[in-house]
Structure formats: structure tokens, C-alpha cells
C-alpha atoms as a PDB file:
ATOM      1  CA  MET A   1    -186.776 -22.156 -83.285  1.00  0.00           C
ATOM      2  CA  GLY A   2    -188.153 -19.911 -86.025  1.00  0.00           C
ATOM      3  CA  ALA A   3    -189.359 -16.364 -85.647  1.00  0.00           C
ATOM      4  CA  ARG A   4    -192.740 -15.923 -84.010  1.00  0.00           C
ATOM      5  CA  GLU A   5    -195.043 -13.009 -83.490  1.00  0.00           C
ATOM      6  CA  VAL A   6    -194.190 -10.867 -80.490  1.00  0.00           C
ATOM      7  CA  GLY A   7    -196.396 -11.513 -77.491  1.00  0.00           C
ATOM      8  CA  LEU A   8    -196.706  -9.469 -74.343  1.00  0.00           C
ATOM      9  CA  PRO A   9    -195.937 -10.390 -70.751  1.00  0.00           C
ATOM     10  CA  ASP A  10    -198.696 -10.515 -68.156  1.00  0.00           C
ATOM     11  CA  VAL A  11    -199.032  -7.116 -66.507  1.00  0.00           C
ATOM     12  CA  VAL A  12    -198.425  -6.984 -62.779  1.00  0.00           C
ATOM     13  CA  GLY A  13    -197.419  -3.581 -61.426  1.00  0.00           C
ATOM     14  CA  GLY A  14    -195.123  -2.884 -58.516  1.00  0.00           C
ATOM     15  CA  VAL A  15    -195.189  -0.526 -55.558  1.00  0.00           C
ATOM     16  CA  GLY A  16    -193.696   2.922 -56.031  1.00  0.00           C
ATOM     17  CA  LEU A  17    -193.240   2.648 -59.796  1.00  0.00           C
ATOM     18  CA  PRO A  18    -193.949   5.431 -62.301  1.00  0.00           C
ATOM     19  CA  ASP A  19    -196.879   5.396 -64.709  1.00  0.00           C
ATOM     20  CA  GLN A  20    -194.617   6.393 -67.600  1.00  0.00           C
ATOM     21  CA  VAL A  21    -190.921   6.230 -68.509  1.00  0.00           C
ATOM     22  CA  THR A  22    -188.935   7.962 -71.249  1.00  0.00           C
ATOM     23  CA  ILE A  23    -186.634   5.603 -73.122  1.00  0.00           C
ATOM     24  CA  TRP A  24    -183.495   7.449 -74.257  1.00  0.00           C
ATOM     25  CA  GLU A  25    -182.205   5.399 -77.198  1.00  0.00           C
ATOM     26  CA  VAL A  26    -178.404   5.529 -77.533  1.00  0.00           C
ATOM     27  CA  GLY A  27    -177.790   2.827 -80.146  1.00  0.00           C
ATOM     28  CA  PRO A  28    -177.089   5.093 -83.144  1.00  0.00           C
ATOM     29  CA  ARG A  29    -174.446   7.011 -81.190  1.00  0.00           C
ATOM     30  CA  ASP A  30    -173.139   5.039 -78.221  1.00  0.00           C
ATOM     31  CA  GLY A  31    -173.690   1.736 -79.978  1.00  0.00           C
ATOM     32  CA  LEU A  32    -172.292   2.410 -83.425  1.00  0.00           C
ATOM     33  CA  GLN A  33    -169.271   4.369 -82.165  1.00  0.00           C
ATOM     34  CA  ASN A  34    -167.962   1.116 -80.708  1.00  0.00           C
ATOM     35  CA  GLU A  35    -168.059  -0.772 -84.003  1.00  0.00           C
ATOM     36  CA  SER A  36    -164.699  -1.803 -85.447  1.00  0.00           C
ATOM     37  CA  VAL A  37    -165.731  -0.510 -88.870  1.00  0.00           C
ATOM     38  CA  SER A  38    -167.830   2.452 -89.927  1.00  0.00           C
ATOM     39  CA  VAL A  39    -171.446   1.762 -90.794  1.00  0.00           C
ATOM     40  CA  PRO A  40    -172.588   3.417 -94.062  1.00  0.00           C
ATOM     41  CA  VAL A  41    -174.573   6.604 -93.563  1.00  0.00           C
ATOM     42  CA  ASP A  42    -177.520   5.165 -95.501  1.00  0.00           C
ATOM     43  CA  VAL A  43    -177.741   2.320 -92.984  1.00  0.00           C
ATOM     44  CA  LYS A  44    -177.562   4.775 -90.091  1.00  0.00           C
ATOM     45  CA  LEU A  45    -180.358   6.858 -91.581  1.00  0.00           C
ATOM     46  CA  GLU A  46    -182.569   3.809 -92.019  1.00  0.00           C
ATOM     47  CA  PHE A  47    -181.773   2.783 -88.440  1.00  0.00           C
ATOM     48  CA  LEU A  48    -182.909   6.186 -87.179  1.00  0.00           C
ATOM     49  CA  ASP A  49    -186.070   6.034 -89.295  1.00  0.00           C
ATOM     50  CA  ARG A  50    -186.906   2.550 -88.079  1.00  0.00           C
ATOM     51  CA  LEU A  51    -186.463   3.575 -84.451  1.00  0.00           C
ATOM     52  CA  ALA A  52    -188.767   6.557 -84.958  1.00  0.00           C
ATOM     53  CA  ASP A  53    -191.316   4.292 -86.655  1.00  0.00           C
ATOM     54  CA  ALA A  54    -191.143   2.005 -83.610  1.00  0.00           C
ATOM     55  CA  GLY A  55    -192.228   4.890 -81.384  1.00  0.00           C
ATOM     56  CA  VAL A  56    -188.914   5.822 -79.776  1.00  0.00           C
ATOM     57  CA  SER A  57    -189.242   9.478 -78.791  1.00  0.00           C
ATOM     58  CA  VAL A  58    -185.587  10.250 -77.956  1.00  0.00           C
ATOM     59  CA  VAL A  59    -182.888   8.942 -80.288  1.00  0.00           C
ATOM     60  CA  GLU A  60    -179.310  10.059 -79.708  1.00  0.00           C
ATOM     61  CA  ALA A  61    -178.322  10.473 -83.339  1.00  0.00           C
ATOM     62  CA  THR A  62    -174.554  10.969 -83.507  1.00  0.00           C
ATOM     63  CA  SER A  63    -171.525  12.704 -82.016  1.00  0.00           C
ATOM     64  CA  PHE A  64    -169.441  15.737 -82.935  1.00  0.00           C
ATOM     65  CA  VAL A  65    -166.309  14.312 -81.341  1.00  0.00           C
ATOM     66  CA  HIS A  66    -163.306  14.820 -83.630  1.00  0.00           C
ATOM     67  CA  PRO A  67    -163.244  12.098 -86.341  1.00  0.00           C
ATOM     68  CA  LYS A  68    -159.690  11.218 -85.302  1.00  0.00           C
ATOM     69  CA  TRP A  69    -161.040   9.871 -82.013  1.00  0.00           C
ATOM     70  CA  VAL A  70    -164.354   8.447 -83.222  1.00  0.00           C
ATOM     71  CA  PRO A  71    -164.001   7.738 -86.958  1.00  0.00           C
ATOM     72  CA  GLN A  72    -167.198   5.666 -86.928  1.00  0.00           C
ATOM     73  CA  LEU A  73    -169.198   8.903 -86.553  1.00  0.00           C
ATOM     74  CA  ALA A  74    -167.184  11.086 -88.923  1.00  0.00           C
ATOM     75  CA  ASP A  75    -170.288  11.443 -91.102  1.00  0.00           C
ATOM     76  CA  ALA A  76    -172.230  13.422 -88.470  1.00  0.00           C
ATOM     77  CA  GLU A  77    -172.811  16.481 -90.691  1.00  0.00           C
ATOM     78  CA  GLU A  78    -174.035  14.416 -93.624  1.00  0.00           C
ATOM     79  CA  LEU A  79    -176.240  12.288 -91.383  1.00  0.00           C
ATOM     80  CA  LEU A  80    -177.973  15.290 -89.834  1.00  0.00           C
ATOM     81  CA  ALA A  81    -178.321  17.080 -93.162  1.00  0.00           C
ATOM     82  CA  ARG A  82    -180.143  14.074 -94.628  1.00  0.00           C
ATOM     83  CA  LEU A  83    -182.051  13.009 -91.519  1.00  0.00           C
ATOM     84  CA  ASP A  84    -185.856  13.081 -91.711  1.00  0.00           C
ATOM     85  CA  ARG A  85    -186.468  14.699 -88.333  1.00  0.00           C
ATOM     86  CA  ARG A  86    -189.854  13.472 -87.203  1.00  0.00           C
ATOM     87  CA  ASP A  87    -192.292  15.594 -85.244  1.00  0.00           C
ATOM     88  CA  GLY A  88    -192.341  14.409 -81.647  1.00  0.00           C
ATOM     89  CA  VAL A  89    -188.899  12.797 -81.846  1.00  0.00           C
ATOM     90  CA  ASP A  90    -185.882  14.394 -80.158  1.00  0.00           C
ATOM     91  CA  TYR A  91    -182.471  13.811 -81.779  1.00  0.00           C
ATOM     92  CA  PRO A  92    -179.733  14.817 -79.287  1.00  0.00           C
ATOM     93  CA  VAL A  93    -176.061  14.762 -80.285  1.00  0.00           C
ATOM     94  CA  LEU A  94    -172.916  14.480 -78.182  1.00  0.00           C
ATOM     95  CA  VAL A  95    -170.544  17.472 -78.175  1.00  0.00           C
ATOM     96  CA  PRO A  96    -167.156  17.315 -76.408  1.00  0.00           C
ATOM     97  CA  ASN A  97    -166.195  20.987 -76.533  1.00  0.00           C
ATOM     98  CA  GLU A  98    -166.968  24.359 -78.117  1.00  0.00           C
ATOM     99  CA  ARG A  99    -165.848  23.216 -81.558  1.00  0.00           C
ATOM    100  CA  GLY A 100    -168.294  20.339 -81.321  1.00  0.00           C
ATOM    101  CA  LEU A 101    -171.004  22.790 -80.281  1.00  0.00           C
ATOM    102  CA  ASP A 102    -170.198  24.973 -83.302  1.00  0.00           C
ATOM    103  CA  ARG A 103    -170.782  21.979 -85.559  1.00  0.00           C
ATOM    104  CA  ALA A 104    -174.002  21.079 -83.756  1.00  0.00           C
ATOM    105  CA  LEU A 105    -175.366  24.600 -84.098  1.00  0.00           C
ATOM    106  CA  ALA A 106    -174.517  24.640 -87.800  1.00  0.00           C
ATOM    107  CA  ALA A 107    -176.457  21.390 -88.145  1.00  0.00           C
ATOM    108  CA  ARG A 108    -179.521  22.992 -86.488  1.00  0.00           C
ATOM    109  CA  VAL A 109    -179.456  20.623 -83.532  1.00  0.00           C
ATOM    110  CA  GLY A 110    -181.814  21.432 -80.665  1.00  0.00           C
ATOM    111  CA  HIS A 111    -180.400  19.161 -77.955  1.00  0.00           C
ATOM    112  CA  VAL A 112    -176.787  18.394 -77.042  1.00  0.00           C
ATOM    113  CA  ALA A 113    -175.006  16.262 -74.474  1.00  0.00           C
ATOM    114  CA  ILE A 114    -171.635  16.621 -72.783  1.00  0.00           C
ATOM    115  CA  PHE A 115    -169.652  13.702 -71.380  1.00  0.00           C
ATOM    116  CA  ALA A 116    -167.999  14.088 -67.976  1.00  0.00           C
ATOM    117  CA  SER A 117    -166.228  11.663 -65.671  1.00  0.00           C
ATOM    118  CA  ALA A 118    -166.765  10.889 -61.999  1.00  0.00           C
ATOM    119  CA  THR A 119    -163.112   9.876 -61.608  1.00  0.00           C
ATOM    120  CA  ASP A 120    -159.781  11.542 -62.193  1.00  0.00           C
ATOM    121  CA  SER A 121    -158.295   8.530 -63.987  1.00  0.00           C
ATOM    122  CA  PHE A 122    -161.011   8.369 -66.640  1.00  0.00           C
ATOM    123  CA  ALA A 123    -161.130  12.148 -67.029  1.00  0.00           C
ATOM    124  CA  ARG A 124    -157.419  12.132 -67.837  1.00  0.00           C
ATOM    125  CA  ARG A 125    -157.703   9.214 -70.280  1.00  0.00           C
ATOM    126  CA  ASN A 126    -160.926  10.249 -71.990  1.00  0.00           C
ATOM    127  CA  LEU A 127    -160.788  14.049 -71.808  1.00  0.00           C
ATOM    128  CA  ASN A 128    -157.089  14.753 -71.213  1.00  0.00           C
ATOM    129  CA  ARG A 129    -158.169  16.754 -68.160  1.00  0.00           C
ATOM    130  CA  ALA A 130    -157.952  16.271 -64.413  1.00  0.00           C
ATOM    131  CA  LEU A 131    -161.226  15.716 -62.572  1.00  0.00           C
ATOM    132  CA  ASP A 132    -161.657  19.378 -61.634  1.00  0.00           C
ATOM    133  CA  GLU A 133    -160.230  20.678 -64.920  1.00  0.00           C
ATOM    134  CA  GLN A 134    -162.994  19.080 -66.974  1.00  0.00           C
ATOM    135  CA  PHE A 135    -165.537  21.629 -65.758  1.00  0.00           C
ATOM    136  CA  ALA A 136    -163.614  24.510 -67.320  1.00  0.00           C
ATOM    137  CA  MET A 137    -164.052  22.776 -70.669  1.00  0.00           C
ATOM    138  CA  PHE A 138    -167.784  22.230 -70.181  1.00  0.00           C
ATOM    139  CA  GLU A 139    -168.790  25.621 -68.750  1.00  0.00           C
ATOM    140  CA  PRO A 140    -168.592  27.617 -72.007  1.00  0.00           C
ATOM    141  CA  VAL A 141    -170.279  24.795 -73.921  1.00  0.00           C
ATOM    142  CA  VAL A 142    -173.252  24.680 -71.570  1.00  0.00           C
ATOM    143  CA  ALA A 143    -173.500  28.464 -71.319  1.00  0.00           C
ATOM    144  CA  ARG A 144    -173.487  28.953 -75.088  1.00  0.00           C
ATOM    145  CA  ALA A 145    -175.869  26.073 -75.724  1.00  0.00           C
ATOM    146  CA  LYS A 146    -178.384  27.440 -73.216  1.00  0.00           C
ATOM    147  CA  ALA A 147    -178.028  30.947 -74.648  1.00  0.00           C
ATOM    148  CA  GLU A 148    -178.871  29.500 -78.077  1.00  0.00           C
ATOM    149  CA  GLY A 149    -181.998  27.858 -76.654  1.00  0.00           C
ATOM    150  CA  LEU A 150    -180.672  24.305 -76.733  1.00  0.00           C
ATOM    151  CA  LYS A 151    -181.419  21.636 -74.153  1.00  0.00           C
ATOM    152  CA  VAL A 152    -178.311  20.159 -72.525  1.00  0.00           C
ATOM    153  CA  ARG A 153    -177.767  16.737 -71.018  1.00  0.00           C
ATOM    154  CA  GLY A 154    -174.765  15.903 -68.867  1.00  0.00           C
ATOM    155  CA  TYR A 155    -173.382  12.367 -68.852  1.00  0.00           C
ATOM    156  CA  VAL A 156    -171.304  11.203 -65.900  1.00  0.00           C
ATOM    157  CA  SER A 157    -169.262   8.064 -66.541  1.00  0.00           C
ATOM    158  CA  MET A 158    -167.680   5.639 -64.054  1.00  0.00           C
ATOM    159  CA  CYS A 159    -170.348   6.306 -61.421  1.00  0.00           C
ATOM    160  CA  PHE A 160    -170.122   2.896 -59.738  1.00  0.00           C
ATOM    161  CA  GLY A 161    -166.640   1.633 -60.475  1.00  0.00           C
ATOM    162  CA  ASP A 162    -163.499   2.554 -62.377  1.00  0.00           C
ATOM    163  CA  PRO A 163    -161.042   0.011 -63.873  1.00  0.00           C
ATOM    164  CA  TRP A 164    -158.069   2.048 -62.614  1.00  0.00           C
ATOM    165  CA  GLU A 165    -159.407   3.336 -59.293  1.00  0.00           C
ATOM    166  CA  GLY A 166    -161.798   0.583 -58.232  1.00  0.00           C
ATOM    167  CA  SER A 167    -164.783   1.649 -56.152  1.00  0.00           C
ATOM    168  CA  VAL A 168    -165.956   5.222 -56.635  1.00  0.00           C
ATOM    169  CA  SER A 169    -167.149   7.389 -53.752  1.00  0.00           C
ATOM    170  CA  ARG A 170    -170.856   8.168 -53.978  1.00  0.00           C
ATOM    171  CA  GLY A 171    -170.126  11.617 -52.603  1.00  0.00           C
ATOM    172  CA  GLN A 172    -167.647  12.238 -55.410  1.00  0.00           C
ATOM    173  CA  VAL A 173    -170.169  11.173 -58.052  1.00  0.00           C
ATOM    174  CA  ALA A 174    -172.831  13.412 -56.526  1.00  0.00           C
ATOM    175  CA  ALA A 175    -170.418  16.350 -56.388  1.00  0.00           C
ATOM    176  CA  VAL A 176    -169.597  15.994 -60.098  1.00  0.00           C
ATOM    177  CA  GLY A 177    -173.250  15.584 -61.007  1.00  0.00           C
ATOM    178  CA  LYS A 178    -174.414  18.552 -58.960  1.00  0.00           C
ATOM    179  CA  ARG A 179    -171.769  20.779 -60.552  1.00  0.00           C
ATOM    180  CA  LEU A 180    -173.120  19.878 -63.992  1.00  0.00           C
ATOM    181  CA  LEU A 181    -176.690  20.568 -62.912  1.00  0.00           C
ATOM    182  CA  ASP A 182    -175.667  23.873 -61.331  1.00  0.00           C
ATOM    183  CA  MET A 183    -173.837  24.711 -64.552  1.00  0.00           C
ATOM    184  CA  GLY A 184    -177.151  24.549 -66.392  1.00  0.00           C
ATOM    185  CA  CYS A 185    -177.597  20.957 -67.565  1.00  0.00           C
ATOM    186  CA  ASP A 186    -181.279  20.102 -67.911  1.00  0.00           C
ATOM    187  CA  GLN A 187    -180.696  16.431 -67.197  1.00  0.00           C
ATOM    188  CA  LEU A 188    -177.965  14.237 -65.743  1.00  0.00           C
ATOM    189  CA  SER A 189    -177.376  10.657 -66.897  1.00  0.00           C
ATOM    190  CA  LEU A 190    -175.488   8.508 -64.384  1.00  0.00           C
ATOM    191  CA  GLY A 191    -173.467   5.824 -66.156  1.00  0.00           C
ATOM    192  CA  ASP A 192    -172.311   2.428 -64.940  1.00  0.00           C
ATOM    193  CA  THR A 193    -169.603   2.382 -67.587  1.00  0.00           C
ATOM    194  CA  ILE A 194    -168.105  -1.007 -66.699  1.00  0.00           C
ATOM    195  CA  GLY A 195    -171.354  -2.592 -65.545  1.00  0.00           C
ATOM    196  CA  VAL A 196    -170.371  -3.402 -61.954  1.00  0.00           C
ATOM    197  CA  ALA A 197    -173.283  -1.791 -60.078  1.00  0.00           C
ATOM    198  CA  THR A 198    -175.860  -3.701 -58.059  1.00  0.00           C
ATOM    199  CA  PRO A 199    -179.327  -2.461 -57.034  1.00  0.00           C
ATOM    200  CA  GLY A 200    -178.342  -1.440 -53.511  1.00  0.00           C
ATOM    201  CA  GLN A 201    -175.570   0.764 -54.880  1.00  0.00           C
ATOM    202  CA  VAL A 202    -178.024   2.369 -57.296  1.00  0.00           C
ATOM    203  CA  THR A 203    -180.470   3.203 -54.533  1.00  0.00           C
ATOM    204  CA  ALA A 204    -177.690   4.590 -52.334  1.00  0.00           C
ATOM    205  CA  LEU A 205    -176.192   6.774 -55.088  1.00  0.00           C
ATOM    206  CA  LEU A 206    -179.542   8.225 -56.102  1.00  0.00           C
ATOM    207  CA  GLY A 207    -180.151   9.049 -52.461  1.00  0.00           C
ATOM    208  CA  GLU A 208    -177.113  11.356 -52.568  1.00  0.00           C
ATOM    209  CA  PHE A 209    -178.947  13.677 -54.956  1.00  0.00           C
ATOM    210  CA  GLY A 210    -182.083  14.245 -52.883  1.00  0.00           C
ATOM    211  CA  SER A 211    -184.396  14.935 -55.819  1.00  0.00           C
ATOM    212  CA  VAL A 212    -184.008  12.661 -58.857  1.00  0.00           C
ATOM    213  CA  GLU A 213    -186.378  14.665 -61.046  1.00  0.00           C
ATOM    214  CA  ARG A 214    -183.562  15.536 -63.481  1.00  0.00           C
ATOM    215  CA  ILE A 215    -181.680  12.233 -63.167  1.00  0.00           C
ATOM    216  CA  ALA A 216    -181.498   9.496 -65.812  1.00  0.00           C
ATOM    217  CA  VAL A 217    -179.627   6.191 -65.616  1.00  0.00           C
ATOM    218  CA  HIS A 218    -177.360   4.428 -68.107  1.00  0.00           C
ATOM    219  CA  PHE A 219    -176.500   0.825 -67.240  1.00  0.00           C
ATOM    220  CA  HIS A 220    -174.226  -1.696 -68.890  1.00  0.00           C
ATOM    221  CA  ASP A 221    -175.034  -5.380 -68.533  1.00  0.00           C
ATOM    222  CA  THR A 222    -171.512  -6.715 -68.025  1.00  0.00           C
ATOM    223  CA  TYR A 223    -172.518  -8.730 -64.944  1.00  0.00           C
ATOM    224  CA  GLY A 224    -176.183  -9.190 -65.863  1.00  0.00           C
ATOM    225  CA  GLN A 225    -177.395  -6.480 -63.473  1.00  0.00           C
ATOM    226  CA  ALA A 226    -178.734  -3.823 -65.879  1.00  0.00           C
ATOM    227  CA  LEU A 227    -182.450  -4.623 -65.537  1.00  0.00           C
ATOM    228  CA  ALA A 228    -182.251  -5.112 -61.775  1.00  0.00           C
ATOM    229  CA  ASN A 229    -180.433  -1.799 -61.477  1.00  0.00           C
ATOM    230  CA  THR A 230    -183.032  -0.128 -63.685  1.00  0.00           C
ATOM    231  CA  TYR A 231    -185.838  -1.422 -61.484  1.00  0.00           C
ATOM    232  CA  ALA A 232    -184.084  -0.025 -58.413  1.00  0.00           C
ATOM    233  CA  ALA A 233    -183.753   3.347 -60.156  1.00  0.00           C
ATOM    234  CA  LEU A 234    -187.452   3.377 -61.086  1.00  0.00           C
ATOM    235  CA  VAL A 235    -188.457   2.666 -57.495  1.00  0.00           C
ATOM    236  CA  ALA A 236    -186.194   5.539 -56.420  1.00  0.00           C
ATOM    237  CA  GLY A 237    -188.086   7.902 -58.719  1.00  0.00           C
ATOM    238  CA  VAL A 238    -186.060   7.957 -61.949  1.00  0.00           C
ATOM    239  CA  ARG A 239    -188.211   8.460 -65.050  1.00  0.00           C
ATOM    240  CA  THR A 240    -185.660   8.358 -67.900  1.00  0.00           C
ATOM    241  CA  VAL A 241    -183.672   5.233 -68.795  1.00  0.00           C
ATOM    242  CA  ASP A 242    -180.936   4.965 -71.430  1.00  0.00           C
ATOM    243  CA  SER A 243    -180.826   1.824 -73.549  1.00  0.00           C
ATOM    244  CA  SER A 244    -179.577   0.604 -76.920  1.00  0.00           C
ATOM    245  CA  ALA A 245    -181.568  -1.231 -79.582  1.00  0.00           C
ATOM    246  CA  GLY A 246    -180.341  -4.811 -79.768  1.00  0.00           C
ATOM    247  CA  GLY A 247    -177.847  -4.141 -76.974  1.00  0.00           C
ATOM    248  CA  LEU A 248    -175.485  -2.343 -79.371  1.00  0.00           C
ATOM    249  CA  GLY A 249    -172.320  -0.989 -77.825  1.00  0.00           C
ATOM    250  CA  GLY A 250    -169.542  -2.559 -75.851  1.00  0.00           C
ATOM    251  CA  CYS A 251    -167.417  -1.497 -72.956  1.00  0.00           C
ATOM    252  CA  PRO A 252    -163.702  -1.231 -73.786  1.00  0.00           C
ATOM    253  CA  TYR A 253    -162.727  -1.282 -70.098  1.00  0.00           C
ATOM    254  CA  ALA A 254    -164.018  -4.708 -69.086  1.00  0.00           C
ATOM    255  CA  GLU A 255    -163.364  -8.060 -70.703  1.00  0.00           C
ATOM    256  CA  SER A 256    -166.439  -9.885 -72.074  1.00  0.00           C
ATOM    257  CA  ALA A 257    -168.620  -6.837 -71.477  1.00  0.00           C
ATOM    258  CA  THR A 258    -171.993  -7.156 -73.142  1.00  0.00           C
ATOM    259  CA  GLY A 259    -172.443  -3.420 -73.397  1.00  0.00           C
ATOM    260  CA  ASN A 260    -175.574  -1.336 -73.049  1.00  0.00           C
ATOM    261  CA  LEU A 261    -178.885  -2.449 -71.678  1.00  0.00           C
ATOM    262  CA  ALA A 262    -180.879  -3.705 -74.679  1.00  0.00           C
ATOM    263  CA  THR A 263    -183.947  -1.608 -75.403  1.00  0.00           C
ATOM    264  CA  GLU A 264    -185.995  -4.765 -76.092  1.00  0.00           C
ATOM    265  CA  ASP A 265    -185.171  -6.132 -72.651  1.00  0.00           C
ATOM    266  CA  LEU A 266    -186.142  -2.824 -71.058  1.00  0.00           C
ATOM    267  CA  VAL A 267    -189.420  -2.648 -73.002  1.00  0.00           C
ATOM    268  CA  TRP A 268    -190.371  -6.189 -71.995  1.00  0.00           C
ATOM    269  CA  MET A 269    -189.863  -5.346 -68.332  1.00  0.00           C
ATOM    270  CA  LEU A 270    -191.760  -2.065 -68.576  1.00  0.00           C
ATOM    271  CA  ASP A 271    -194.634  -3.789 -70.386  1.00  0.00           C
ATOM    272  CA  GLY A 272    -194.821  -6.410 -67.654  1.00  0.00           C
ATOM    273  CA  LEU A 273    -194.951  -3.699 -65.010  1.00  0.00           C
ATOM    274  CA  GLY A 274    -197.661  -1.759 -66.840  1.00  0.00           C
ATOM    275  CA  ILE A 275    -195.407   1.275 -67.334  1.00  0.00           C
ATOM    276  CA  ALA A 276    -196.141   3.301 -70.480  1.00  0.00           C
ATOM    277  CA  HIS A 277    -193.231   4.106 -72.818  1.00  0.00           C
ATOM    278  CA  GLY A 278    -194.651   4.436 -76.332  1.00  0.00           C
ATOM    279  CA  VAL A 279    -192.439   1.858 -78.073  1.00  0.00           C
ATOM    280  CA  ASP A 280    -193.830  -0.919 -80.267  1.00  0.00           C
ATOM    281  CA  LEU A 281    -191.893  -4.038 -79.283  1.00  0.00           C
ATOM    282  CA  ASP A 282    -192.614  -5.886 -82.532  1.00  0.00           C
ATOM    283  CA  LYS A 283    -191.251  -3.032 -84.676  1.00  0.00           C
ATOM    284  CA  LEU A 284    -188.315  -2.575 -82.329  1.00  0.00           C
ATOM    285  CA  CYS A 285    -187.383  -6.257 -82.622  1.00  0.00           C
ATOM    286  CA  ASP A 286    -187.615  -6.030 -86.407  1.00  0.00           C
ATOM    287  CA  THR A 287    -185.297  -3.012 -86.313  1.00  0.00           C
ATOM    288  CA  SER A 288    -182.705  -4.627 -84.072  1.00  0.00           C
ATOM    289  CA  ALA A 289    -182.752  -7.888 -86.024  1.00  0.00           C
ATOM    290  CA  TRP A 290    -182.270  -5.886 -89.220  1.00  0.00           C
ATOM    291  CA  MET A 291    -179.300  -3.988 -87.745  1.00  0.00           C
ATOM    292  CA  ALA A 292    -177.743  -7.198 -86.442  1.00  0.00           C
ATOM    293  CA  GLY A 293    -177.891  -8.462 -90.015  1.00  0.00           C
ATOM    294  CA  ARG A 294    -176.194  -5.318 -91.303  1.00  0.00           C
ATOM    295  CA  LEU A 295    -173.438  -5.766 -88.707  1.00  0.00           C
ATOM    296  CA  GLY A 296    -173.095  -9.482 -89.446  1.00  0.00           C
ATOM    297  CA  ARG A 297    -173.424 -10.770 -85.922  1.00  0.00           C
ATOM    298  CA  PRO A 298    -176.158 -11.810 -83.482  1.00  0.00           C
ATOM    299  CA  SER A 299    -177.609  -9.383 -80.957  1.00  0.00           C
ATOM    300  CA  PRO A 300    -176.995  -9.970 -77.230  1.00  0.00           C
ATOM    301  CA  SER A 301    -180.575  -8.904 -76.412  1.00  0.00           C
ATOM    302  CA  ARG A 302    -182.290 -11.692 -74.477  1.00  0.00           C
ATOM    303  CA  VAL A 303    -185.775 -10.625 -75.514  1.00  0.00           C
ATOM    304  CA  LEU A 304    -184.841 -10.246 -79.171  1.00  0.00           C
ATOM    305  CA  ASN A 305    -183.320 -13.724 -79.200  1.00  0.00           C
ATOM    306  CA  ALA A 306    -186.325 -15.218 -77.416  1.00  0.00           C
ATOM    307  CA  LEU A 307    -188.788 -13.680 -79.840  1.00  0.00           C
ATOM    308  CA  ARG A 308    -186.762 -13.847 -83.039  1.00  0.00           C
ATOM    309  CA  GLY A 309    -184.300 -16.636 -82.337  1.00  0.00           C
END
């Protein structure tokens, strides 16, 4: 089937859903850092421009993790120096520690994110810290960032399952998340890193936090549950959803993982529910199809393949 013009689903709203949702686009950072080869900075810059043109208001641009660990994003300084930062578009960057924050401040970044773990096993493997020790690393980063007037997001990984520990206690996840919020994080993104969550688990975990005003969700689609889990989060009151254009990004901890929730799939669902988000689906599909061509492989996005396949 050849490409056809993007249509729109019939709009039928649901009970308890928000009028508007913020889409937090992670493709340029979380997606491209998982590529086996580095994408040229010119391609990254065009990707960021295309996403802004499509109406995405939050685009996680890059990471200041040491190039030894994430060589795909070693060009972070050059990228940010050349980036056309659009009015009305937020470009957060990931910082692992104070050195990363130093680099972000030098690059005139206004929004940073830290990356914590809900489990001891992943904290030790990803951060070289025990579960409780990770907070000592984050505290000075958050304090300095806030003192400099930056917004800070806290990611929590392995919120629903861990490949080494199995099921993860909801109380433990909530305890980690609340410590990050108390530390000064403006927002908390709860990640289903290996994609094992189901909607009931999502509802139950969000219930541990009481208010979800500062909670976002980040789902992987390993078992095909990302959209169902997102819907459950929206009903529970969440108003920010992470996703990746074209479904970029894999999960190194689960075989055959399809990676992040595709932004096109999220937009199609939100359009069908009558929830405003500001993204032009046609331009987004063009962008993701273009990036798939640059990467030399098809996108896993169901909506992109249905509309451009």
C-alpha cells in the first residue's frame, strides 16, 4: 500500500480524562542513545527542527552523560550550540552528576533531568551506587540546578519490574519517587523500563503517590501494553506522557523489546479521545518516516506504518 494522506479518528471522549496532555518527546535523547552507531549532528539538528515544526512543545534534546558510556551523544555541546531553540519549545537534557550539570549550565540549558532507579540491582549496574547511595549523588545536582533557576525532572526506572529482581514493590517505587520530589524535582517520570506493566499495576502505583499533579509516565511497549497503560494513567490524573517519535529506542534488558511508546500511536489515541496536545500528526509522521530512512530500518510505530506503509 502506498502512502496516503493522514486522516483522523472519530472523536469519542472518555470519563475522567483530561482536556489536554503534554507530550514529552524523548526520541532525540532516549531513542538515539540506543543506536548502534552515532547519528551525525546535522541529522540530529534536523530531527529536532522537524519535531518543533510538528508542534511538539517538549523535546528532550540530548544527554551530558560521559561519552565513554553513551558515545552516541558525545556531540551534546555542539548540538546545543547549533540548535535553533524555538520560542515555546522546551529542550531538557539529561545530567547524571555535577559534572554533567556543569556542562549543561555552560550550554545555557534551562531544564535538566536526573535518572534514578527504583531498585538496588539497577542502581548498582547503571549508577554504580546502592539504592540509597544514589540520592547523595543527586542532591547537589538538584540543589545547584534549582539555585541557578533551572527546572528539574526526576526519572525513576524499573518501576514495574526489574530483570534481576523481578516484581518491584509499589511502596519502594513511591519512596524513591517521593525522595526525589522532596529533594526539589519539579516533575517525576515513572518508567516501565522493561515494558512489563499492565493497566491495573499503573493505577495501583499512581495511587501510592496520592496527588499525581507532578507525575509523568514513561512506558515501553515490549508486551504491547504501552497505550493501555497510558490510558490508565490518564484516567488516574496524569497529564504528561513520555513518547518517542517513530518508537525510537530499545530496551537492552528484555529480548525483542520494541522500545518506547511511539509518539504517533499516542497522538492517534489522544485525537480519538478529543484530548488536546498540539502535535500535527501528518508532520510528525513525515518526521518519523524521514528518520527511519536515515537509520536505514522501518519504524515499529503502528500508526506510522498504517498511514505511511
